[in-house]
Every structure is written in C-alpha cells, then in structure tokens.
Amino acid sequence: MFDGSRLRRAAPAVLLVLAMLVLSGCFGFPRKEGGPAKKPAVTKPNIVFVLTDDLSWKLIDHMPQVKRMQAEGVTFDNFLVADSLCCTSRATFFTGQYPHNTKVRTNFPPLGGYGVFQREGGEQKSFAPGLQKAGYRTAMLGKYMNGYQPRDPGTGSTNVPHGWNEWYVAGNGYPEFGYNLNENGSIVHYGEDPQDYMTDVLAYKGLDFIERAHASGQPFFMEVSTFAPHGPFVPAPRHAGLFPNLKAPRTPSFNEADIRDKPAWLRQHNKKLGPRQIGRIDEGFRDRVRMVQSVDEMLGKIRATVKKLGIEKDTVVIFGSDNGFHMGEHRLAGGKMTPYTVDIRVPFVFVGPGIGGGGRVTQIAQNTDLAPTFLELAGAAVPAATDGRSLVPFLRGDAPADWRDTALVEHVKPAYSEQDPDRQDALPGAPTTYNALRTTDMLYVEYADGEREYYDLTRDPHHLTNLAATLAPERRRTLTARLYALTRCAGESCASAGRSR
C-alpha cells in the first residue's frame, strides 16, 4: 500500500537530490553555464568520389585496392547507367536526372556536350552547389564534360563552374600527356615527362586537397574523374611492360557465332572477327589493365592519407565508372553505347563509416542515384526534380520496400565526328537510337527503326538468344507501356514508373 507519510518525511532530502540531478544534466535538461547549452554538432562525412572513364567489370580482377574496398565496404552488383556514353552519363551523375530530362543526349552539339549541359542549367542543378550550401569544401579534378575546354576559345575566359571551391580540370586529357589543366582559373601545361602522367597528377593534387581541406576544419567533397582507361589506352610508363600475356576475356558472347537474331545494325557484322582484329582487342585489353594500375594506386594513396590524418571513420570513399566497354562481344571491336550488360553495368563500391564490410546489393541502382546520395550524406535537401533516389539506406543495410525493379536505358545515336573520342570507327559499331528496360532477369529494347530485342538474363546472361519474336502480345504491351512511362517520367514519378508492381 502506498504510504504518503513516508514521502512527506523524506521530502526535503528527495528534493535536494532531485535538484542536484537536474543541475548536473542527468535528465537531459541543459545546464546554464554562460547561456543556453549548445546542441552537439552533427558530424558530416567527408566524401571522396573516384570516377573512371569506360572502366568495365572485366578490369576489377586486376585492381587489388578496389577488391580491398569491396571486402571492407558495399558493392552494388546491379549498378546500371542510363546511357553508356560519356557526356550523357556524366550529366546524369551530376544532376540525378535521366538523359531525357538533362537534354544531354550525345557528346557534342546540337544534342549534347558541355554547351547543352550549360544551356539546360546542368551546373545549377548539379549536386555541387547543394554541397557548398551544406558547408562543404568542394573540389573537381580531371575530366568534366565532353566539349569543356580549360579556356573558352571564344572569349578567352577560363571556365570554373558554379559550385566548386577548387577546380583542376582538363579538356583533352585522353592521351594522358601534353594537356592543359585549368587550375582555379589559371591554365597550366603538362608535358611528356613521366611525372606529367595525368592520373598521377590528379592523385597528388587530390592528396594535397584532402590535407588542406582537413586542416580547414570543413567537411569536404572531392571528385577525381580520371580519363583512364579511355582510349587511346596509354598506361603510365612504369606499368607499360606489365601483363605481357594477358588476353581479353573469352565470354560466351565473344566473337558470337550466330547473330542472325540480332537487330540490323549488328547483323551488318556478317563476318566473325579475324585473328588480327582479335589480336588488336587483346593488345587494347592489356593496355587498359595497365592503365588502371595507376587508378588503383591512387585509391590506395587516398585511403592511406585519410587514415594518416585520423579521418578514416569520417570519410566515405566511392569508386565507380561512367559506363562499361565491350571488346569483342557480339563481334564488336572496342566501344560502348549498346544496351547490353557489358556496356551498361558498371562497378560501384562504397567504403566508410557505418558501411557494412563485404556487403553486396543486388537491387537495381542507377547513375540517377548518385547526386541524391551525396546530398543525403551531407544532410542537404534533394531537389524535387531529381529522378533518382538516395542509396544511403543500402549503405546502412536497409532495402526500401518500394525500391525500383526496372531501370531505364535510353540512347540517341550520335552523328559521326572525327573529334568525338567515343566515335565507333569499326562501322557499324554504334547502335541505332533505342530505349530499353532492364531488370535483374530481363532486357527489353525498342529501336527507333521498329526492331525489338528481349533476353531472359536468368538463362541467357550474355544476350545470345533474342526472344522478342516469341513475346505474347499482352507481355509486349505491358513492356511498351512501362517504357513509355519511364521515358516521360520526371522527379518523383520516376520512382513509381520504375516499379512493375
């Protein structure tokens, strides 16, 4: 039975104890020491993003630092790009929008390139200004957008886009030597000496930025965008003699035996690749593997520097590629732009605080998802016009129940240009314009000329047997309707359009 007399007799002592607990803050009330207590600061992670150019999954076996990141972090096994073309893909990375919304459809005007990205407000829609507003110090190094030049040839002015505190960006860095860097508005030329190798220059500039940004006390974001391993396949001199006997992987689709079921643009390869063509493919593959050694070394140096500075538990490191690259698949020489897995599925690995070691994510992710991921990590608002969704839940081990099960891939065939570093010289290497749906178990493609492709990826992961002609009318209508919805979606509607249920 409750005895009120005991409480009254003990009241003075109880009140004294309660008063002491309140003053000590044991109940969560702020102590008054020179004014109201401040809320504990929210720690924002530093973010380092290493984006490579044309790096396919086939190269990862030769990159020990990336494999170490996989063992310690999270790998997205089904990360798909919305278009396997450099400028188009990068516009999507920056804005989180599909190509039909960025309006960047090719590498050069009138349908793409840096000028179109500028005209359509891409630099304002980029994640970089949002990170700056969230208190981040931002740096961009290496490759930006096709058509960008360190100095505007018309006005002579230097191009440093809005949103970046530091800027070390080249125009034509594909040869890896003999290029100009716009270094915060000053044009600096790099020559032909071994120490001028572009990936190495980006590495030491990146390490310098990390140390200075850390010393400033600001959280930082750094994107290092290499030109490696894009053609013309120039490795660093110290790596030029490595892997002398390496050959391109002979997958089931390599030099495909029967392409009669393929669309017309591909059936024009009516002869299989010959020994000399295969020899050139093997040579190119060796040089690509040699090129990524410097990228892998850079990743190791970045992570070692972060550890040395004591900010390993405050820094997220991301490694990925803008698109894949075929070498011999379906009788095609080196190139990209197809809707096939080898071109649209790219490596993406995250490592950092709270990111589970050795985790694998099988759900469909796209390059529309990177911008909202960076913004959420930074505690910044994600614009309503963003087509993608943040990947942060997956980094924490959670899979949203309403996540997409269908990816959109859309591609406009570019006009041939001698100046285009992605031109397909092996006629007819580039596919005709198409839109495609991709899930974990199927690929459906509609070409502008009316042709169709459908592959059961569970039974046929290498796209050997086109089943489009066998699709039931209702199934085809369903796929066409979903493709129609995705190619016209914007913002929040893209999430629902990417779900089949």
Protein backbone atom coordinates (compact mmCIF):
# COMPACT_ATOMS: atom_id res chain seq x y z
CA MET A 1 0.00 0.00 0.00
CA PHE A 2 1.24 3.50 -0.87
CA ASP A 3 2.36 5.39 2.34
CA GLY A 4 2.22 9.17 1.78
CA SER A 5 3.58 9.97 5.25
CA ARG A 6 6.95 8.40 4.39
CA LEU A 7 7.22 10.58 1.28
CA ARG A 8 6.38 13.72 3.28
CA ARG A 9 9.03 12.87 5.89
CA ALA A 10 11.60 12.25 3.13
CA ALA A 11 10.60 15.26 1.00
CA PRO A 12 13.42 17.64 1.97
CA ALA A 13 16.09 15.06 1.16
CA VAL A 14 14.38 13.94 -2.04
CA LEU A 15 14.02 17.49 -3.29
CA LEU A 16 17.70 18.13 -2.60
CA VAL A 17 18.74 15.06 -4.61
CA LEU A 18 16.38 15.96 -7.48
CA ALA A 19 17.76 19.47 -7.60
CA MET A 20 21.32 18.15 -7.84
CA LEU A 21 20.37 15.73 -10.65
CA VAL A 22 18.67 18.46 -12.64
CA LEU A 23 21.64 20.81 -12.27
CA SER A 24 24.04 18.05 -13.31
CA GLY A 25 22.06 17.42 -16.50
CA CYS A 26 21.25 13.78 -15.68
CA PHE A 27 17.70 14.16 -17.01
CA GLY A 28 18.76 15.79 -20.23
CA PHE A 29 17.99 19.36 -19.22
CA PRO A 30 20.65 21.88 -20.29
CA ARG A 31 22.95 23.30 -17.70
CA LYS A 32 23.23 27.06 -17.64
CA GLU A 33 26.90 27.87 -17.93
CA GLY A 34 27.23 31.24 -19.58
CA GLY A 35 23.99 30.87 -21.58
CA PRO A 36 21.86 28.10 -23.16
CA ALA A 37 23.64 24.82 -23.83
CA LYS A 38 24.50 24.18 -27.50
CA LYS A 39 23.26 21.09 -29.30
CA PRO A 40 26.06 18.64 -30.14
CA ALA A 41 27.41 19.27 -33.63
CA VAL A 42 26.22 16.89 -36.33
CA THR A 43 29.25 15.27 -37.96
CA LYS A 44 29.05 15.39 -41.75
CA PRO A 45 31.19 12.82 -43.53
CA ASN A 46 33.87 13.79 -45.97
CA ILE A 47 33.16 12.32 -49.41
CA VAL A 48 35.75 11.24 -51.99
CA PHE A 49 34.40 10.08 -55.34
CA VAL A 50 36.76 8.47 -57.86
CA LEU A 51 35.01 8.21 -61.24
CA THR A 52 36.77 6.39 -64.07
CA ASP A 53 36.13 6.57 -67.81
CA ASP A 54 34.98 3.45 -69.72
CA LEU A 55 36.04 1.09 -66.93
CA SER A 56 34.23 -2.23 -67.20
CA TRP A 57 33.77 -5.01 -64.64
CA LYS A 58 36.35 -7.11 -66.50
CA LEU A 59 39.14 -4.88 -65.14
CA ILE A 60 38.30 -5.23 -61.44
CA ASP A 61 40.14 -8.55 -61.08
CA HIS A 62 43.34 -6.59 -61.75
CA MET A 63 42.71 -3.83 -59.18
CA PRO A 64 43.69 -5.00 -55.66
CA GLN A 65 42.74 -1.72 -53.96
CA VAL A 66 39.22 -1.90 -55.39
CA LYS A 67 38.94 -5.52 -54.26
CA ARG A 68 40.03 -4.41 -50.79
CA MET A 69 37.29 -1.76 -50.85
CA GLN A 70 34.81 -4.47 -51.77
CA ALA A 71 35.91 -6.59 -48.81
CA GLU A 72 35.56 -3.66 -46.41
CA GLY A 73 32.56 -1.84 -47.88
CA VAL A 74 29.47 -2.34 -50.02
CA THR A 75 29.37 -3.27 -53.73
CA PHE A 76 26.38 -2.57 -55.96
CA ASP A 77 26.20 -5.58 -58.25
CA ASN A 78 23.49 -4.13 -60.48
CA PHE A 79 24.54 -0.50 -60.88
CA LEU A 80 23.35 0.49 -64.36
CA VAL A 81 23.96 3.68 -66.32
CA ALA A 82 21.04 5.36 -68.10
CA ASP A 83 23.15 5.74 -71.26
CA SER A 84 26.54 4.15 -71.91
CA LEU A 85 28.05 7.31 -73.37
CA CYS A 86 30.46 9.63 -71.54
CA CYS A 87 28.85 13.07 -71.61
CA THR A 88 25.30 11.79 -71.31
CA SER A 89 26.20 9.61 -68.33
CA ARG A 90 28.11 12.39 -66.57
CA ALA A 91 25.22 14.84 -66.95
CA THR A 92 23.08 12.25 -65.15
CA PHE A 93 25.67 11.75 -62.40
CA PHE A 94 25.79 15.48 -61.67
CA THR A 95 22.05 16.17 -61.72
CA GLY A 96 20.36 12.89 -60.77
CA GLN A 97 18.20 13.18 -63.89
CA TYR A 98 17.66 10.83 -66.81
CA PRO A 99 19.03 11.96 -70.21
CA HIS A 100 15.54 12.87 -71.43
CA ASN A 101 15.44 15.47 -68.62
CA THR A 102 19.04 16.72 -68.73
CA LYS A 103 18.60 17.14 -72.53
CA VAL A 104 22.23 15.96 -72.93
CA ARG A 105 21.83 13.13 -75.45
CA THR A 106 25.25 12.95 -77.18
CA ASN A 107 28.82 14.18 -76.67
CA PHE A 108 28.60 17.20 -78.97
CA PRO A 109 26.07 19.85 -80.09
CA PRO A 110 23.38 20.17 -81.14
CA LEU A 111 22.17 17.27 -78.97
CA GLY A 112 24.80 17.19 -76.25
CA GLY A 113 28.14 18.22 -74.86
CA TYR A 114 29.20 20.83 -72.33
CA GLY A 115 27.35 23.64 -74.11
CA VAL A 116 23.99 21.86 -73.89
CA PHE A 117 24.64 20.96 -70.23
CA GLN A 118 25.24 24.67 -69.53
CA ARG A 119 22.27 25.85 -71.57
CA GLU A 120 19.89 23.47 -69.79
CA GLY A 121 21.01 24.62 -66.34
CA GLY A 122 23.00 21.50 -65.54
CA GLU A 123 25.60 23.34 -63.50
CA GLN A 124 22.90 24.91 -61.32
CA LYS A 125 21.14 21.54 -60.95
CA SER A 126 24.39 19.76 -60.09
CA PHE A 127 24.91 18.40 -56.58
CA ALA A 128 27.95 20.67 -56.10
CA PRO A 129 26.08 23.91 -55.16
CA GLY A 130 23.93 21.93 -52.72
CA LEU A 131 27.03 20.54 -51.02
CA GLN A 132 28.52 24.02 -50.75
CA LYS A 133 25.34 25.32 -49.10
CA ALA A 134 25.60 22.43 -46.64
CA GLY A 135 29.03 23.69 -45.58
CA TYR A 136 31.27 21.51 -47.74
CA ARG A 137 34.50 22.50 -49.40
CA THR A 138 34.25 21.08 -52.93
CA ALA A 139 36.90 20.14 -55.48
CA MET A 140 36.67 18.79 -59.02
CA LEU A 141 39.70 17.18 -60.66
CA GLY A 142 40.27 15.62 -64.09
CA LYS A 143 37.57 15.12 -66.70
CA TYR A 144 34.36 17.16 -66.59
CA MET A 145 32.11 17.11 -69.67
CA ASN A 146 32.84 16.44 -73.34
CA GLY A 147 33.37 19.76 -75.09
CA TYR A 148 34.70 21.51 -71.99
CA GLN A 149 37.92 23.45 -72.59
CA PRO A 150 40.16 24.94 -69.87
CA ARG A 151 39.91 28.28 -71.68
CA ASP A 152 36.85 29.42 -73.64
CA PRO A 153 38.07 29.66 -77.27
CA GLY A 154 35.55 32.42 -77.99
CA THR A 155 36.16 34.81 -75.11
CA GLY A 156 39.49 33.61 -73.77
CA SER A 157 37.99 33.45 -70.28
CA THR A 158 38.58 30.47 -68.01
CA ASN A 159 35.68 28.18 -67.19
CA VAL A 160 35.23 27.45 -63.49
CA PRO A 161 31.61 26.37 -62.95
CA HIS A 162 29.42 27.39 -60.04
CA GLY A 163 29.55 25.10 -57.01
CA TRP A 164 33.24 24.27 -56.89
CA ASN A 165 35.74 25.78 -54.45
CA GLU A 166 38.70 24.22 -56.23
CA TRP A 167 38.98 23.24 -59.88
CA TYR A 168 41.72 21.24 -61.63
CA VAL A 169 40.12 20.16 -64.90
CA ALA A 170 41.40 19.31 -68.39
CA GLY A 171 39.83 19.36 -71.82
CA ASN A 172 41.55 16.74 -73.95
CA GLY A 173 43.32 14.55 -71.41
CA TYR A 174 42.82 11.27 -73.27
CA PRO A 175 46.49 10.96 -74.37
CA GLU A 176 47.48 11.30 -70.65
CA PHE A 177 50.38 13.58 -71.65
CA GLY A 178 50.65 17.02 -73.29
CA TYR A 179 47.47 18.53 -71.84
CA ASN A 180 46.36 21.74 -70.13
CA LEU A 181 44.73 21.92 -66.72
CA ASN A 182 42.53 24.79 -65.61
CA GLU A 183 43.82 25.19 -62.07
CA ASN A 184 41.40 27.54 -60.33
CA GLY A 185 41.32 29.84 -63.34
CA SER A 186 44.99 29.59 -64.34
CA ILE A 187 45.98 27.47 -67.35
CA VAL A 188 48.89 25.14 -66.57
CA HIS A 189 50.51 22.97 -69.24
CA TYR A 190 51.79 19.47 -68.55
CA GLY A 191 54.24 17.89 -70.95
CA GLU A 192 55.59 14.47 -71.84
CA ASP A 193 57.69 13.56 -68.80
CA PRO A 194 56.73 10.53 -66.71
CA GLN A 195 55.66 12.76 -63.81
CA ASP A 196 53.16 14.50 -66.14
CA TYR A 197 51.05 11.36 -66.50
CA MET A 198 47.56 12.66 -65.87
CA THR A 199 46.28 10.08 -63.38
CA ASP A 200 49.38 10.63 -61.25
CA VAL A 201 48.98 14.43 -61.41
CA LEU A 202 45.36 14.09 -60.30
CA ALA A 203 46.48 11.80 -57.47
CA TYR A 204 48.96 14.21 -55.91
CA LYS A 205 46.64 17.18 -56.36
CA GLY A 206 43.86 15.18 -54.72
CA LEU A 207 46.02 14.23 -51.74
CA ASP A 208 47.04 17.87 -51.33
CA PHE A 209 43.40 18.95 -51.34
CA ILE A 210 42.45 16.36 -48.72
CA GLU A 211 45.18 17.53 -46.35
CA ARG A 212 44.34 21.22 -46.79
CA ALA A 213 40.59 20.70 -46.54
CA HIS A 214 41.03 18.64 -43.37
CA ALA A 215 43.20 21.37 -41.86
CA SER A 216 40.48 23.94 -42.58
CA GLY A 217 38.00 22.11 -40.37
CA GLN A 218 35.35 21.99 -43.10
CA PRO A 219 33.85 18.75 -44.32
CA PHE A 220 34.95 18.20 -47.90
CA PHE A 221 33.76 16.65 -51.13
CA MET A 222 36.27 15.73 -53.84
CA GLU A 223 35.58 14.17 -57.22
CA VAL A 224 38.58 12.79 -59.05
CA SER A 225 37.48 11.93 -62.57
CA THR A 226 40.19 10.12 -64.49
CA PHE A 227 40.47 9.86 -68.26
CA ALA A 228 41.76 6.32 -67.69
CA PRO A 229 41.15 3.76 -69.06
CA HIS A 230 39.59 5.54 -72.07
CA GLY A 231 41.35 5.22 -75.43
CA PRO A 232 43.93 5.69 -76.84
CA PHE A 233 44.95 3.34 -73.98
CA VAL A 234 48.18 4.96 -72.75
CA PRO A 235 49.45 3.43 -69.50
CA ALA A 236 51.91 5.11 -67.15
CA PRO A 237 55.48 4.35 -68.28
CA ARG A 238 56.16 2.31 -65.12
CA HIS A 239 53.29 -0.03 -65.99
CA ALA A 240 53.85 -0.33 -69.75
CA GLY A 241 55.50 -3.76 -69.59
CA LEU A 242 53.10 -5.46 -67.20
CA PHE A 243 50.79 -8.37 -68.08
CA PRO A 244 52.55 -9.32 -71.34
CA ASN A 245 50.43 -12.41 -71.99
CA LEU A 246 47.02 -11.16 -70.86
CA LYS A 247 44.06 -11.57 -73.22
CA ALA A 248 40.56 -10.13 -73.28
CA PRO A 249 38.11 -12.50 -71.54
CA ARG A 250 36.54 -15.03 -73.89
CA THR A 251 32.98 -14.80 -72.64
CA PRO A 252 30.22 -16.79 -74.41
CA SER A 253 29.34 -13.67 -76.42
CA PHE A 254 32.95 -13.06 -77.55
CA ASN A 255 33.02 -13.21 -81.37
CA GLU A 256 29.45 -14.53 -81.24
CA ALA A 257 28.93 -17.44 -83.62
CA ASP A 258 25.38 -16.63 -84.77
CA ILE A 259 23.99 -13.08 -84.86
CA ARG A 260 21.06 -13.68 -87.22
CA ASP A 261 18.61 -12.90 -84.41
CA LYS A 262 20.24 -9.55 -83.64
CA PRO A 263 18.99 -6.14 -84.90
CA ALA A 264 20.03 -4.92 -88.36
CA TRP A 265 22.76 -2.56 -87.13
CA LEU A 266 24.55 -5.55 -85.57
CA ARG A 267 23.79 -8.09 -88.31
CA GLN A 268 25.95 -5.99 -90.65
CA HIS A 269 28.91 -7.64 -88.93
CA ASN A 270 28.34 -10.62 -91.20
CA LYS A 271 31.85 -11.96 -90.65
CA LYS A 272 33.38 -13.08 -87.40
CA LEU A 273 36.38 -11.22 -86.05
CA GLY A 274 39.62 -12.39 -87.61
CA PRO A 275 42.96 -13.16 -85.91
CA ARG A 276 44.35 -9.65 -86.50
CA GLN A 277 41.23 -7.99 -85.08
CA ILE A 278 41.29 -10.27 -82.05
CA GLY A 279 44.99 -9.53 -81.62
CA ARG A 280 44.24 -5.78 -81.51
CA ILE A 281 41.47 -6.40 -78.97
CA ASP A 282 43.88 -8.36 -76.75
CA GLU A 283 46.50 -5.63 -77.05
CA GLY A 284 43.95 -2.98 -76.12
CA PHE A 285 42.74 -5.01 -73.16
CA ARG A 286 46.31 -5.37 -71.86
CA ASP A 287 46.83 -1.61 -72.07
CA ARG A 288 43.53 -0.95 -70.30
CA VAL A 289 44.60 -3.23 -67.46
CA ARG A 290 47.93 -1.41 -67.36
CA MET A 291 46.15 1.97 -67.26
CA VAL A 292 44.01 1.12 -64.26
CA GLN A 293 47.08 0.27 -62.18
CA SER A 294 47.67 4.00 -61.65
CA VAL A 295 43.99 4.46 -60.73
CA ASP A 296 44.24 1.61 -58.23
CA GLU A 297 47.43 3.08 -56.75
CA MET A 298 45.66 6.44 -56.38
CA LEU A 299 42.83 4.79 -54.45
CA GLY A 300 45.36 3.21 -52.11
CA LYS A 301 47.10 6.56 -51.53
CA ILE A 302 43.81 8.34 -50.88
CA ARG A 303 42.76 5.80 -48.28
CA ALA A 304 46.22 5.80 -46.69
CA THR A 305 46.16 9.61 -46.43
CA VAL A 306 42.69 9.58 -44.89
CA LYS A 307 43.90 7.03 -42.34
CA LYS A 308 47.07 9.00 -41.60
CA LEU A 309 45.02 12.13 -40.90
CA GLY A 310 42.81 10.21 -38.49
CA ILE A 311 39.63 10.80 -40.50
CA GLU A 312 39.08 7.27 -41.77
CA LYS A 313 35.90 7.00 -39.67
CA ASP A 314 34.67 10.34 -41.00
CA THR A 315 35.22 9.75 -44.73
CA VAL A 316 33.23 7.90 -47.37
CA VAL A 317 35.22 6.77 -50.42
CA ILE A 318 33.35 5.79 -53.59
CA PHE A 319 34.75 4.14 -56.69
CA GLY A 320 32.86 3.78 -59.97
CA SER A 321 32.73 4.19 -63.74
CA ASP A 322 30.69 6.32 -66.15
CA ASN A 323 29.93 3.37 -68.46
CA GLY A 324 31.18 -0.06 -69.43
CA PHE A 325 33.06 -1.12 -72.56
CA HIS A 326 32.79 -4.05 -74.94
CA MET A 327 35.82 -5.70 -76.50
CA GLY A 328 34.91 -8.50 -78.88
CA GLU A 329 31.42 -9.24 -77.58
CA HIS A 330 28.85 -9.88 -80.37
CA ARG A 331 31.65 -9.42 -82.97
CA LEU A 332 32.09 -5.76 -81.93
CA ALA A 333 35.52 -4.21 -81.60
CA GLY A 334 36.22 -1.84 -78.69
CA GLY A 335 33.34 0.50 -77.87
CA LYS A 336 30.12 1.09 -75.93
CA MET A 337 26.60 2.56 -76.42
CA THR A 338 24.82 -0.82 -76.65
CA PRO A 339 22.05 -1.79 -74.19
CA TYR A 340 23.94 -4.98 -73.32
CA THR A 341 25.20 -5.69 -69.81
CA VAL A 342 28.88 -5.29 -70.72
CA ASP A 343 28.22 -1.61 -71.57
CA ILE A 344 25.56 -0.52 -69.08
CA ARG A 345 26.50 -2.41 -65.89
CA VAL A 346 29.40 -0.74 -64.09
CA PRO A 347 31.35 -1.29 -60.86
CA PHE A 348 30.33 0.85 -57.87
CA VAL A 349 31.85 0.37 -54.41
CA PHE A 350 31.36 2.41 -51.22
CA VAL A 351 33.52 2.22 -48.10
CA GLY A 352 33.37 4.33 -44.95
CA PRO A 353 31.75 4.81 -41.55
CA GLY A 354 28.66 2.71 -40.95
CA ILE A 355 29.01 0.91 -44.30
CA GLY A 356 29.00 -2.85 -43.84
CA GLY A 357 32.09 -4.83 -44.74
CA GLY A 358 31.79 -7.14 -47.71
CA GLY A 359 28.15 -6.31 -48.39
CA ARG A 360 26.58 -6.88 -51.80
CA VAL A 361 23.49 -5.04 -53.04
CA THR A 362 21.58 -6.86 -55.76
CA GLN A 363 18.80 -4.31 -56.25
CA ILE A 364 18.88 -2.10 -59.37
CA ALA A 365 20.77 1.16 -58.82
CA GLN A 366 21.39 3.81 -61.48
CA ASN A 367 23.59 6.84 -62.01
CA THR A 368 20.47 8.92 -61.29
CA ASP A 369 21.02 7.87 -57.66
CA LEU A 370 24.47 9.35 -57.02
CA ALA A 371 23.50 13.03 -56.69
CA PRO A 372 20.75 12.37 -54.10
CA THR A 373 23.12 10.01 -52.26
CA PHE A 374 25.79 12.70 -51.93
CA LEU A 375 23.22 15.26 -50.80
CA GLU A 376 21.70 12.97 -48.17
CA LEU A 377 25.13 12.05 -46.82
CA ALA A 378 25.79 15.78 -46.46
CA GLY A 379 22.46 16.46 -44.77
CA ALA A 380 21.38 18.64 -47.71
CA ALA A 381 17.99 18.85 -49.38
CA VAL A 382 17.42 16.75 -52.51
CA PRO A 383 15.72 18.79 -55.28
CA ALA A 384 12.22 17.66 -56.24
CA ALA A 385 13.30 17.46 -59.90
CA THR A 386 15.72 14.60 -59.09
CA ASP A 387 14.75 11.41 -60.93
CA GLY A 388 16.84 9.09 -58.78
CA ARG A 389 16.79 8.12 -55.10
CA SER A 390 19.45 8.09 -52.44
CA LEU A 391 21.40 4.87 -51.93
CA VAL A 392 22.11 5.69 -48.28
CA PRO A 393 19.58 3.12 -46.93
CA PHE A 394 21.50 0.35 -48.71
CA LEU A 395 24.77 1.58 -47.20
CA ARG A 396 23.17 1.13 -43.77
CA GLY A 397 21.94 -2.36 -44.57
CA ASP A 398 18.33 -1.44 -45.31
CA ALA A 399 16.49 -2.13 -48.56
CA PRO A 400 13.45 0.13 -49.11
CA ALA A 401 10.37 -1.99 -49.81
CA ASP A 402 9.26 0.32 -52.61
CA TRP A 403 12.59 0.37 -54.45
CA ARG A 404 12.59 0.19 -58.26
CA ASP A 405 12.84 -3.16 -60.01
CA THR A 406 13.25 -1.69 -63.51
CA ALA A 407 15.94 0.57 -64.93
CA LEU A 408 15.63 2.84 -67.94
CA VAL A 409 18.36 2.91 -70.57
CA GLU A 410 17.96 5.46 -73.37
CA HIS A 411 20.33 6.26 -76.19
CA VAL A 412 20.37 8.60 -79.17
CA LYS A 413 22.79 7.58 -81.91
CA PRO A 414 25.32 10.41 -82.26
CA ALA A 415 26.33 11.85 -85.59
CA TYR A 416 29.80 10.67 -86.61
CA SER A 417 32.54 13.17 -85.79
CA GLU A 418 36.31 12.88 -86.08
CA GLN A 419 36.53 14.99 -82.91
CA ASP A 420 34.38 12.58 -80.87
CA PRO A 421 36.63 10.43 -78.64
CA ASP A 422 33.78 7.91 -78.41
CA ARG A 423 33.20 7.52 -82.14
CA GLN A 424 32.84 3.93 -83.27
CA ASP A 425 35.36 3.56 -86.05
CA ALA A 426 34.52 -0.10 -86.68
CA LEU A 427 31.45 0.54 -88.84
CA PRO A 428 28.69 -0.07 -87.89
CA GLY A 429 29.82 -0.12 -84.26
CA ALA A 430 27.22 2.30 -82.90
CA PRO A 431 23.65 1.07 -82.47
CA THR A 432 20.69 2.97 -83.80
CA THR A 433 18.64 5.08 -81.39
CA TYR A 434 16.83 2.98 -78.77
CA ASN A 435 15.09 2.90 -75.38
CA ALA A 436 15.36 -0.12 -73.11
CA LEU A 437 14.09 -1.65 -69.88
CA ARG A 438 16.48 -3.61 -67.69
CA THR A 439 15.66 -5.69 -64.62
CA THR A 440 17.79 -8.26 -62.82
CA ASP A 441 16.35 -11.00 -65.04
CA MET A 442 15.47 -9.46 -68.43
CA LEU A 443 16.42 -6.87 -71.06
CA TYR A 444 13.83 -5.38 -73.42
CA VAL A 445 14.89 -2.98 -76.21
CA GLU A 446 12.82 -0.91 -78.63
CA TYR A 447 14.79 0.62 -81.50
CA ALA A 448 13.67 3.75 -83.33
CA ASP A 449 13.51 1.77 -86.58
CA GLY A 450 10.94 -0.61 -85.08
CA GLU A 451 13.18 -3.57 -84.24
CA ARG A 452 12.99 -5.24 -80.82
CA GLU A 453 15.19 -7.32 -78.54
CA TYR A 454 14.25 -9.36 -75.48
CA TYR A 455 16.61 -11.51 -73.42
CA ASP A 456 15.92 -13.80 -70.46
CA LEU A 457 19.00 -12.91 -68.39
CA THR A 458 18.46 -15.74 -65.92
CA ARG A 459 19.00 -18.33 -68.64
CA ASP A 460 20.92 -16.17 -71.11
CA PRO A 461 23.08 -13.58 -69.28
CA HIS A 462 25.24 -12.97 -72.36
CA HIS A 463 22.40 -11.96 -74.72
CA LEU A 464 22.84 -14.82 -77.16
CA THR A 465 19.19 -15.58 -77.99
CA ASN A 466 16.81 -12.76 -78.88
CA LEU A 467 13.29 -13.83 -77.81
CA ALA A 468 11.44 -10.68 -78.92
CA ALA A 469 9.53 -12.53 -81.65
CA THR A 470 8.18 -15.02 -79.11
CA LEU A 471 6.72 -12.48 -76.66
CA ALA A 472 2.98 -12.77 -76.04
CA PRO A 473 1.08 -9.67 -77.22
CA GLU A 474 -0.03 -8.78 -73.67
CA ARG A 475 3.53 -9.05 -72.34
CA ARG A 476 4.80 -6.83 -75.13
CA ARG A 477 2.08 -4.23 -74.48
CA THR A 478 2.98 -4.21 -70.78
CA LEU A 479 6.68 -3.66 -71.50
CA THR A 480 5.95 -0.94 -74.05
CA ALA A 481 3.67 0.88 -71.60
CA ARG A 482 6.30 0.75 -68.84
CA LEU A 483 8.97 2.00 -71.25
CA TYR A 484 6.67 4.82 -72.36
CA ALA A 485 6.12 5.87 -68.72
CA LEU A 486 9.81 5.84 -67.84
CA THR A 487 10.93 7.79 -70.90
CA ARG A 488 8.48 10.55 -69.93
CA CYS A 489 8.90 10.50 -66.15
CA ALA A 490 10.33 13.38 -64.15
CA GLY A 491 11.13 13.68 -60.46
CA GLU A 492 9.01 11.62 -58.11
CA SER A 493 7.07 9.95 -60.93
CA CYS A 494 10.23 8.11 -61.99
CA ALA A 495 10.16 6.04 -58.79
CA SER A 496 6.70 4.63 -59.43
CA ALA A 497 7.36 4.24 -63.18
CA GLY A 498 10.34 2.02 -62.33
CA ARG A 499 8.22 -0.47 -60.39
CA SER A 500 6.36 -3.29 -62.08
CA ARG A 501 4.06 -3.87 -59.13
